[in-house]
Amino acid sequence: MLTTIAIILLILWLIGVIALPSIGGLIYILLVVAIILFLIRIIRGQNPVK
């Protein structure tokens, strides 16, 4: 689930950087949060793509 969210956010971030630079920053922050949550799940030993 988190992987799907991270991929969607990555795509939206790329669109935001190219088309709407003001929205790209917000999506970048959400992408970073998704990656941090993904890494926390890996560190805790849980399935990161559950």
C-alpha atoms as a PDB file:
ATOM      1  CA  MET A   1       0.000   0.000   0.000  1.00  0.00           C
ATOM      2  CA  LEU A   2       2.748   2.448   0.916  1.00  0.00           C
ATOM      3  CA  THR A   3       4.640   1.563  -2.232  1.00  0.00           C
ATOM      4  CA  THR A   4       1.582   2.397  -4.316  1.00  0.00           C
ATOM      5  CA  ILE A   5       1.178   5.711  -2.521  1.00  0.00           C
ATOM      6  CA  ALA A   6       4.882   6.499  -2.966  1.00  0.00           C
ATOM      7  CA  ILE A   7       4.711   5.741  -6.704  1.00  0.00           C
ATOM      8  CA  ILE A   8       1.585   7.864  -7.152  1.00  0.00           C
ATOM      9  CA  LEU A   9       3.182  10.717  -5.231  1.00  0.00           C
ATOM     10  CA  LEU A  10       6.353  10.440  -7.308  1.00  0.00           C
ATOM     11  CA  ILE A  11       4.341  10.719 -10.519  1.00  0.00           C
ATOM     12  CA  LEU A  12       2.312  13.642  -9.167  1.00  0.00           C
ATOM     13  CA  TRP A  13       5.515  15.317  -7.994  1.00  0.00           C
ATOM     14  CA  LEU A  14       7.050  15.028 -11.461  1.00  0.00           C
ATOM     15  CA  ILE A  15       3.890  16.466 -13.011  1.00  0.00           C
ATOM     16  CA  GLY A  16       3.876  19.220 -10.407  1.00  0.00           C
ATOM     17  CA  VAL A  17       7.493  20.159 -11.028  1.00  0.00           C
ATOM     18  CA  ILE A  18       6.907  20.370 -14.763  1.00  0.00           C
ATOM     19  CA  ALA A  19       3.413  21.892 -14.935  1.00  0.00           C
ATOM     20  CA  LEU A  20       2.658  23.569 -11.601  1.00  0.00           C
ATOM     21  CA  PRO A  21       5.798  24.466  -9.655  1.00  0.00           C
ATOM     22  CA  SER A  22       3.822  25.833  -6.702  1.00  0.00           C
ATOM     23  CA  ILE A  23       2.089  22.470  -6.111  1.00  0.00           C
ATOM     24  CA  GLY A  24       5.302  20.501  -6.662  1.00  0.00           C
ATOM     25  CA  GLY A  25       6.610  21.528  -3.240  1.00  0.00           C
ATOM     26  CA  LEU A  26       3.580  20.134  -1.414  1.00  0.00           C
ATOM     27  CA  ILE A  27       3.729  16.868  -3.308  1.00  0.00           C
ATOM     28  CA  TYR A  28       7.460  16.660  -2.603  1.00  0.00           C
ATOM     29  CA  ILE A  29       6.765  16.910   1.134  1.00  0.00           C
ATOM     30  CA  LEU A  30       4.118  14.171   0.893  1.00  0.00           C
ATOM     31  CA  LEU A  31       6.547  11.983  -1.061  1.00  0.00           C
ATOM     32  CA  VAL A  32       9.202  12.384   1.621  1.00  0.00           C
ATOM     33  CA  VAL A  33       6.659  11.467   4.323  1.00  0.00           C
ATOM     34  CA  ALA A  34       5.647   8.332   2.383  1.00  0.00           C
ATOM     35  CA  ILE A  35       9.283   7.266   2.008  1.00  0.00           C
ATOM     36  CA  ILE A  36       9.950   7.838   5.713  1.00  0.00           C
ATOM     37  CA  LEU A  37       6.917   5.720   6.651  1.00  0.00           C
ATOM     38  CA  PHE A  38       8.111   3.014   4.245  1.00  0.00           C
ATOM     39  CA  LEU A  39      11.566   2.990   5.867  1.00  0.00           C
ATOM     40  CA  ILE A  40      10.093   2.893   9.386  1.00  0.00           C
ATOM     41  CA  ARG A  41       8.098  -0.217   8.456  1.00  0.00           C
ATOM     42  CA  ILE A  42      11.259  -1.866   7.105  1.00  0.00           C
ATOM     43  CA  ILE A  43      13.232  -1.015  10.261  1.00  0.00           C
ATOM     44  CA  ARG A  44      10.462  -2.428  12.495  1.00  0.00           C
ATOM     45  CA  GLY A  45      10.513  -5.652  10.487  1.00  0.00           C
ATOM     46  CA  GLN A  46       7.000  -5.316   9.136  1.00  0.00           C
ATOM     47  CA  ASN A  47       6.010  -5.982   5.559  1.00  0.00           C
ATOM     48  CA  PRO A  48       6.542  -2.584   3.857  1.00  0.00           C
ATOM     49  CA  VAL A  49       4.209  -3.270   0.939  1.00  0.00           C
ATOM     50  CA  LYS A  50       1.268  -4.613   2.932  1.00  0.00           C
END
